Amino acid sequence: MSAAPAIPFFNYPAMFKRDEDKIMSVLRDVLGRGAFILQKDLEEFEGNLRDYLGVKYAFGVADGTNALILGLKAAGIGPGDEVIVPSHTYIASAASIHLVGAKPVLAEMSPDHMLDPFSVESKITDRTAAIMPVQLNGRTCDMDALQTIADQNDLLIVEDAAQGLGSKFKGKCAGTFGAFGTFSFYPAKVLGSFGDGGAIVTNDDRIAREVSLLRDHGRDETGRVIAWGTNSRLDNVQAAVLLHKFKTYDKDVERRREIAGKYDNALSGINDITLPPGPDGDPRHFDVYQNYEIEAGRRDALRQFLTDNGVGTLIQWGGTAVHMHHELGFVESMPVTDKFFERCFMLPMHTALSDSEVDRICDLIHGFYRQAG
């Protein structure tokens, strides 16, 4: 009997092939018009993003990291300021704070893997200017608790929602709680481009004005440079692809939630494994499952077993939380996050997965634990 086909962690070719004709039509249209920078496709995508999120302004920018940097600058965060951010995030979250001259202050994670409000409260000093919730894995933090802390201490909320487009807390979308929110359209995101891309959204007129200048060399509507800016525009080719993909976004989210439900139903009885909250586990949360990140006591052996059987897995960010980047000067003790990174890894989660592939992954995991005893 031949071996079962491999199940890659993320199947880029399959994601393209299933929609190849429409994508190539979009590309031919844009290239044929010679429409590359700040054209109607970007304007239409920004409009759709505004409507989807219910915000006043949306700006496509070069990538998620630049979105954070421009947002922080526009919000007036800079030298002398401290911004509280989880250590359980990609280095870009903290780097954006550092690169505007402020100091990233690291906080612990809560049981659902999100920013812990109790840890945030303990990190506040007289230099704290903002809290940066990171909406990880397609889930939104407990924004009630974080907003209460921000209000009590006169702090800004500045959201890194790179992985959170469409996720909600109490019916309100990630990225819309604070002074601004940012998103990434990296290819593996739920809404992914064919390269780097990002967006900033806000309801603040002043921040919107600053971002519009900062992303385009400080040029105003007349083309005159009136401020120092940079080049951080979402190019129109990527915007057109995103505009096309956005048409099926709700359907894609629904499929990810179906896959998460299948994982939850099949794996919830394994004592060695801790699963993320299920799709219907907490009515306050609507998760879009950018990733499906689990914990396992026998993680390394389980991952090797899955690899040997053709299933790709991944430990997010190479298994390195922000506080573990000692070369950057971090010396904080983060025991909760440390423990998590001894156990965490991600199972395949994308809309090219078939039900039979999800069933096979779950069967293999059960088989591992039967063998392990």
Protein backbone atom coordinates (compact mmCIF):
# COMPACT_ATOMS: atom_id res chain seq x y z
CA MET A 1 0.00 0.00 0.00
CA SER A 2 1.37 3.43 -0.92
CA ALA A 3 2.01 6.02 1.78
CA ALA A 4 -0.70 8.60 2.38
CA PRO A 5 -0.03 12.01 0.78
CA ALA A 6 1.82 14.48 2.97
CA ILE A 7 -0.14 17.21 4.75
CA PRO A 8 2.06 20.33 4.77
CA PHE A 9 1.73 22.84 7.56
CA PHE A 10 0.66 25.47 5.02
CA ASN A 11 -0.06 24.63 1.41
CA TYR A 12 0.76 27.74 -0.63
CA PRO A 13 0.55 26.04 -4.05
CA ALA A 14 -2.87 24.54 -3.31
CA MET A 15 -4.19 27.89 -2.10
CA PHE A 16 -3.16 29.44 -5.42
CA LYS A 17 -4.23 26.58 -7.69
CA ARG A 18 -7.80 26.42 -6.45
CA ASP A 19 -8.36 30.07 -7.46
CA GLU A 20 -5.74 30.41 -10.18
CA ASP A 21 -7.95 31.59 -13.04
CA LYS A 22 -9.55 34.42 -11.05
CA ILE A 23 -6.26 35.53 -9.52
CA MET A 24 -4.53 35.63 -12.89
CA SER A 25 -7.45 37.64 -14.27
CA VAL A 26 -7.01 40.15 -11.45
CA LEU A 27 -3.28 40.41 -12.13
CA ARG A 28 -3.75 40.83 -15.88
CA ASP A 29 -6.26 43.59 -15.27
CA VAL A 30 -3.96 45.54 -12.94
CA LEU A 31 -0.84 45.02 -15.03
CA GLY A 32 -2.69 45.88 -18.21
CA ARG A 33 -3.79 49.19 -16.72
CA GLY A 34 -0.31 49.94 -15.43
CA ALA A 35 -1.94 50.61 -12.04
CA PHE A 36 0.77 50.09 -9.46
CA ILE A 37 0.85 52.74 -6.72
CA LEU A 38 -2.10 54.36 -4.85
CA GLN A 39 -4.64 53.42 -7.50
CA LYS A 40 -8.36 52.66 -7.39
CA ASP A 41 -7.88 49.03 -6.34
CA LEU A 42 -6.18 50.17 -3.14
CA GLU A 43 -8.85 52.79 -2.53
CA GLU A 44 -11.59 50.20 -3.00
CA PHE A 45 -9.85 47.70 -0.71
CA GLU A 46 -9.41 50.37 1.97
CA GLY A 47 -13.10 51.21 1.66
CA ASN A 48 -14.12 47.56 2.03
CA LEU A 49 -11.85 47.22 5.06
CA ARG A 50 -13.42 50.31 6.65
CA ASP A 51 -16.91 48.93 6.08
CA TYR A 52 -16.01 45.46 7.35
CA LEU A 53 -14.53 46.79 10.58
CA GLY A 54 -16.90 49.72 11.05
CA VAL A 55 -14.12 52.30 11.27
CA LYS A 56 -13.71 55.79 9.87
CA TYR A 57 -10.27 55.38 8.26
CA ALA A 58 -8.18 52.56 6.79
CA PHE A 59 -4.76 52.89 5.14
CA GLY A 60 -2.94 50.15 3.26
CA VAL A 61 0.77 50.13 4.10
CA ALA A 62 3.85 48.10 3.24
CA ASP A 63 3.55 45.50 6.01
CA GLY A 64 2.33 44.87 9.54
CA THR A 65 5.53 46.07 11.19
CA ASN A 66 5.48 49.39 9.34
CA ALA A 67 1.82 49.69 10.27
CA LEU A 68 2.76 49.58 13.94
CA ILE A 69 5.65 52.02 13.54
CA LEU A 70 3.55 54.54 11.64
CA GLY A 71 0.64 54.14 14.07
CA LEU A 72 2.85 54.72 17.10
CA LYS A 73 4.45 57.77 15.52
CA ALA A 74 1.06 59.18 14.57
CA ALA A 75 -0.20 58.61 18.12
CA GLY A 76 2.73 60.58 19.53
CA ILE A 77 4.54 57.65 21.17
CA GLY A 78 8.29 58.28 21.31
CA PRO A 79 11.41 58.74 23.44
CA GLY A 80 10.78 58.61 27.17
CA ASP A 81 7.59 56.57 26.79
CA GLU A 82 6.98 52.98 27.83
CA VAL A 83 4.54 50.67 26.08
CA ILE A 84 3.38 47.43 27.72
CA VAL A 85 3.33 44.51 25.28
CA PRO A 86 3.15 40.73 25.78
CA SER A 87 6.30 38.67 25.55
CA HIS A 88 4.17 36.04 23.80
CA THR A 89 4.28 37.76 20.41
CA TYR A 90 6.53 38.13 17.39
CA ILE A 91 9.54 40.40 17.84
CA ALA A 92 7.94 42.95 15.47
CA SER A 93 5.51 44.07 18.17
CA ALA A 94 8.31 45.07 20.53
CA ALA A 95 10.59 46.24 17.71
CA SER A 96 8.04 48.79 16.54
CA ILE A 97 8.03 50.33 20.03
CA HIS A 98 11.83 50.41 20.13
CA LEU A 99 12.08 51.89 16.65
CA VAL A 100 10.01 54.96 17.57
CA GLY A 101 12.34 55.57 20.53
CA ALA A 102 10.07 54.19 23.25
CA LYS A 103 10.71 51.24 25.57
CA PRO A 104 8.84 47.93 25.24
CA VAL A 105 7.86 46.64 28.70
CA LEU A 106 7.02 42.94 28.61
CA ALA A 107 4.03 41.32 30.30
CA GLU A 108 2.90 37.74 30.83
CA MET A 109 0.22 35.72 29.07
CA SER A 110 -3.13 34.53 30.43
CA PRO A 111 -4.41 30.92 30.20
CA ASP A 112 -5.95 31.57 26.77
CA HIS A 113 -2.46 32.64 25.53
CA MET A 114 -3.41 36.33 25.34
CA LEU A 115 -2.07 39.39 27.20
CA ASP A 116 -2.70 39.01 30.94
CA PRO A 117 -4.43 42.10 32.40
CA PHE A 118 -3.08 41.37 35.90
CA SER A 119 0.47 41.33 34.56
CA VAL A 120 -0.19 44.56 32.64
CA GLU A 121 -1.34 46.30 35.80
CA SER A 122 1.85 45.32 37.61
CA LYS A 123 4.04 46.82 34.86
CA ILE A 124 2.63 50.36 34.88
CA THR A 125 5.03 53.17 35.83
CA ASP A 126 4.88 56.95 35.57
CA ARG A 127 6.44 56.60 32.10
CA THR A 128 3.83 54.21 30.71
CA ALA A 129 2.06 55.79 27.74
CA ALA A 130 0.20 52.88 26.17
CA ILE A 131 -0.82 49.23 26.30
CA MET A 132 -0.34 47.17 23.14
CA PRO A 133 -2.69 44.16 23.13
CA VAL A 134 -1.63 41.60 20.53
CA GLN A 135 -4.61 39.78 19.05
CA LEU A 136 -2.91 36.44 18.51
CA ASN A 137 -3.89 33.35 16.54
CA GLY A 138 -7.18 34.92 15.47
CA ARG A 139 -8.41 35.68 19.00
CA THR A 140 -9.07 39.06 20.65
CA CYS A 141 -7.86 39.80 24.18
CA ASP A 142 -10.19 40.55 27.11
CA MET A 143 -10.54 44.16 26.02
CA ASP A 144 -12.91 45.10 28.85
CA ALA A 145 -10.22 44.41 31.41
CA LEU A 146 -7.48 46.12 29.41
CA GLN A 147 -9.64 49.16 28.66
CA THR A 148 -10.48 49.53 32.35
CA ILE A 149 -6.78 49.54 33.20
CA ALA A 150 -6.08 52.05 30.42
CA ASP A 151 -8.88 54.36 31.55
CA GLN A 152 -7.84 54.24 35.19
CA ASN A 153 -4.26 55.15 34.29
CA ASP A 154 -4.89 57.55 31.38
CA LEU A 155 -3.17 55.25 28.86
CA LEU A 156 -3.68 54.68 25.15
CA ILE A 157 -4.68 51.33 23.72
CA VAL A 158 -2.70 50.63 20.52
CA GLU A 159 -3.59 47.29 18.93
CA ASP A 160 -1.39 44.84 17.10
CA ALA A 161 -4.13 42.84 15.37
CA ALA A 162 -1.80 41.36 12.74
CA GLN A 163 -3.33 37.90 13.28
CA GLY A 164 -6.79 39.05 14.26
CA LEU A 165 -8.72 40.38 11.26
CA GLY A 166 -12.38 39.54 11.83
CA SER A 167 -12.00 38.22 15.37
CA LYS A 168 -14.27 39.87 17.92
CA PHE A 169 -14.70 40.48 21.61
CA LYS A 170 -18.32 41.10 22.61
CA GLY A 171 -19.20 41.74 18.97
CA LYS A 172 -16.51 44.39 18.41
CA CYS A 173 -13.74 43.68 15.91
CA ALA A 174 -10.07 43.36 16.78
CA GLY A 175 -8.23 46.50 15.73
CA THR A 176 -11.11 48.84 16.57
CA PHE A 177 -10.77 49.20 20.34
CA GLY A 178 -7.91 51.64 20.66
CA ALA A 179 -6.36 54.78 19.21
CA PHE A 180 -5.45 52.68 16.18
CA GLY A 181 -5.24 49.04 15.11
CA THR A 182 -2.91 47.33 12.67
CA PHE A 183 -3.14 44.25 10.46
CA SER A 184 -0.75 42.10 8.46
CA PHE A 185 -1.47 40.55 5.07
CA TYR A 186 1.54 38.25 5.10
CA PRO A 187 0.80 35.31 2.76
CA ALA A 188 -0.07 32.84 5.55
CA LYS A 189 -2.62 35.16 7.17
CA VAL A 190 -6.33 34.44 6.88
CA LEU A 191 -6.39 37.35 4.40
CA GLY A 192 -2.99 36.99 2.78
CA SER A 193 -1.36 38.71 -0.18
CA PHE A 194 1.41 37.33 -2.42
CA GLY A 195 4.05 39.24 -0.48
CA ASP A 196 4.18 41.67 2.38
CA GLY A 197 1.31 44.00 3.15
CA GLY A 198 -0.42 45.66 6.07
CA ALA A 199 -3.01 48.20 7.15
CA ILE A 200 -3.71 50.78 9.86
CA VAL A 201 -7.25 51.61 10.92
CA THR A 202 -8.47 54.36 13.22
CA ASN A 203 -11.42 56.55 14.14
CA ASP A 204 -9.13 59.42 15.18
CA ASP A 205 -8.98 62.29 12.69
CA ARG A 206 -5.56 63.48 13.81
CA ILE A 207 -3.97 60.04 13.72
CA ALA A 208 -5.49 59.43 10.29
CA ARG A 209 -4.02 62.65 8.97
CA GLU A 210 -0.59 61.80 10.32
CA VAL A 211 -0.65 58.27 8.87
CA SER A 212 -1.73 59.56 5.45
CA LEU A 213 1.37 61.77 5.43
CA LEU A 214 3.79 59.34 7.02
CA ARG A 215 3.12 56.49 4.57
CA ASP A 216 3.73 58.65 1.46
CA HIS A 217 6.84 60.77 2.02
CA GLY A 218 4.92 63.44 3.93
CA ARG A 219 2.95 64.47 0.84
CA ASP A 220 -0.48 66.03 1.19
CA GLU A 221 -3.41 65.79 -1.23
CA THR A 222 -1.82 68.34 -3.58
CA GLY A 223 1.46 66.39 -3.78
CA ARG A 224 3.39 68.92 -1.70
CA VAL A 225 5.65 67.58 1.04
CA ILE A 226 4.53 69.18 4.31
CA ALA A 227 6.04 66.74 6.84
CA TRP A 228 8.80 64.18 7.22
CA GLY A 229 7.50 60.83 6.00
CA THR A 230 8.60 57.52 4.57
CA ASN A 231 7.60 55.17 1.76
CA SER A 232 5.21 52.61 3.22
CA ARG A 233 2.39 52.18 0.72
CA LEU A 234 0.54 48.95 0.02
CA ASP A 235 1.25 48.47 -3.68
CA ASN A 236 -1.76 48.27 -5.93
CA VAL A 237 -1.05 44.76 -7.26
CA GLN A 238 -1.25 43.33 -3.74
CA ALA A 239 -4.26 45.51 -2.98
CA ALA A 240 -6.09 44.10 -6.00
CA VAL A 241 -5.35 40.54 -4.91
CA LEU A 242 -6.57 41.33 -1.39
CA LEU A 243 -9.66 43.00 -2.78
CA HIS A 244 -10.46 39.80 -4.68
CA LYS A 245 -9.77 37.52 -1.71
CA PHE A 246 -11.79 39.70 0.65
CA LYS A 247 -14.95 38.71 -1.26
CA THR A 248 -14.80 35.23 0.31
CA TYR A 249 -13.33 36.23 3.66
CA ASP A 250 -16.36 35.34 5.76
CA LYS A 251 -16.53 31.95 4.05
CA ASP A 252 -12.83 31.36 4.75
CA VAL A 253 -13.31 32.24 8.42
CA GLU A 254 -16.29 29.90 8.62
CA ARG A 255 -14.17 27.05 7.22
CA ARG A 256 -11.37 27.71 9.73
CA ARG A 257 -13.90 27.60 12.55
CA GLU A 258 -15.20 24.28 11.20
CA ILE A 259 -11.67 22.86 11.22
CA ALA A 260 -11.09 24.16 14.75
CA GLY A 261 -14.33 22.51 15.84
CA LYS A 262 -13.21 19.19 14.36
CA TYR A 263 -9.87 19.42 16.19
CA ASP A 264 -11.66 20.35 19.41
CA ASN A 265 -14.14 17.48 19.20
CA ALA A 266 -11.51 14.89 18.31
CA LEU A 267 -8.68 15.88 20.65
CA SER A 268 -10.37 17.26 23.77
CA GLY A 269 -10.18 13.94 25.62
CA ILE A 270 -6.37 13.65 25.54
CA ASN A 271 -5.07 14.57 28.98
CA ASP A 272 -1.55 15.45 27.80
CA ILE A 273 -2.85 18.09 25.39
CA THR A 274 -4.21 21.57 26.10
CA LEU A 275 -6.30 22.93 23.24
CA PRO A 276 -7.14 26.55 22.45
CA PRO A 277 -10.68 27.65 23.28
CA GLY A 278 -13.22 26.00 20.98
CA PRO A 279 -15.31 27.96 18.46
CA ASP A 280 -18.26 28.06 20.85
CA GLY A 281 -16.32 27.94 24.11
CA ASP A 282 -16.90 31.53 25.24
CA PRO A 283 -19.79 33.65 23.89
CA ARG A 284 -17.76 36.83 24.40
CA HIS A 285 -15.23 35.71 21.79
CA PHE A 286 -15.50 35.11 18.07
CA ASP A 287 -12.21 33.53 16.97
CA VAL A 288 -11.08 33.29 13.34
CA TYR A 289 -8.30 30.73 13.99
CA GLN A 290 -5.40 32.32 12.17
CA ASN A 291 -3.46 29.49 13.81
CA TYR A 292 -4.37 26.40 15.80
CA GLU A 293 -1.81 26.42 18.60
CA ILE A 294 -1.90 23.60 21.15
CA GLU A 295 0.20 22.54 24.12
CA ALA A 296 1.51 19.02 24.71
CA GLY A 297 3.63 17.59 27.51
CA ARG A 298 5.23 15.18 25.03
CA ARG A 299 5.50 17.86 22.38
CA ASP A 300 8.80 16.95 20.76
CA ALA A 301 8.01 13.25 20.47
CA LEU A 302 4.52 14.00 19.16
CA ARG A 303 5.84 16.44 16.56
CA GLN A 304 8.41 13.90 15.40
CA PHE A 305 5.71 11.24 15.11
CA LEU A 306 3.58 13.57 13.00
CA THR A 307 6.58 14.49 10.84
CA ASP A 308 7.40 10.81 10.30
CA ASN A 309 3.82 10.34 9.13
CA GLY A 310 3.85 13.23 6.71
CA VAL A 311 2.14 15.95 8.78
CA GLY A 312 3.79 19.34 9.00
CA THR A 313 3.71 21.29 12.28
CA LEU A 314 5.35 24.49 13.46
CA ILE A 315 6.53 26.09 16.68
CA GLN A 316 5.61 29.74 16.29
CA TRP A 317 8.48 32.26 15.98
CA GLY A 318 11.04 29.47 16.23
CA GLY A 319 10.03 28.88 19.85
CA THR A 320 11.35 32.29 20.91
CA ALA A 321 9.22 34.70 22.92
CA VAL A 322 10.32 38.34 23.00
CA HIS A 323 11.97 38.13 26.42
CA MET A 324 14.18 35.30 25.16
CA HIS A 325 15.98 37.65 22.75
CA HIS A 326 18.79 38.31 25.19
CA GLU A 327 20.93 39.83 22.43
CA LEU A 328 18.46 42.73 22.42
CA GLY A 329 18.96 43.37 26.13
CA PHE A 330 15.91 41.63 27.58
CA VAL A 331 16.51 40.19 31.06
CA GLU A 332 12.91 39.77 32.28
CA SER A 333 11.71 36.63 34.03
CA MET A 334 8.57 35.25 32.35
CA PRO A 335 7.86 31.85 33.96
CA VAL A 336 4.36 31.45 32.51
CA THR A 337 5.53 32.23 29.00
CA ASP A 338 8.63 30.05 29.46
CA LYS A 339 6.48 27.08 30.44
CA PHE A 340 4.19 27.63 27.48
CA PHE A 341 7.10 27.63 25.04
CA GLU A 342 8.23 24.25 26.35
CA ARG A 343 4.87 22.80 25.29
CA CYS A 344 3.44 24.78 22.35
CA PHE A 345 3.20 23.98 18.67
CA MET A 346 0.74 24.51 15.85
CA LEU A 347 -1.26 22.02 13.80
CA PRO A 348 -2.12 22.70 10.15
CA MET A 349 -4.86 25.33 9.84
CA HIS A 350 -5.80 26.65 6.40
CA THR A 351 -8.74 26.45 4.04
CA ALA A 352 -7.04 24.02 1.65
CA LEU A 353 -7.31 21.33 4.35
CA SER A 354 -9.95 18.70 3.66
CA ASP A 355 -12.07 17.04 6.33
CA SER A 356 -10.28 13.77 5.63
CA GLU A 357 -6.90 15.41 6.22
CA VAL A 358 -8.07 16.87 9.53
CA ASP A 359 -9.41 13.43 10.51
CA ARG A 360 -6.09 11.85 9.59
CA ILE A 361 -4.15 14.34 11.72
CA CYS A 362 -6.41 13.63 14.69
CA ASP A 363 -6.19 9.86 14.16
CA LEU A 364 -2.40 10.08 14.11
CA ILE A 365 -2.36 12.04 17.37
CA HIS A 366 -4.58 9.44 19.02
CA GLY A 367 -2.33 6.73 17.61
CA PHE A 368 0.73 8.38 19.12
CA TYR A 369 -0.81 8.40 22.57
CA ARG A 370 -2.00 4.80 22.27
CA GLN A 371 1.56 3.76 21.45
CA ALA A 372 3.02 5.97 24.19
CA GLY A 373 0.73 4.39 26.77
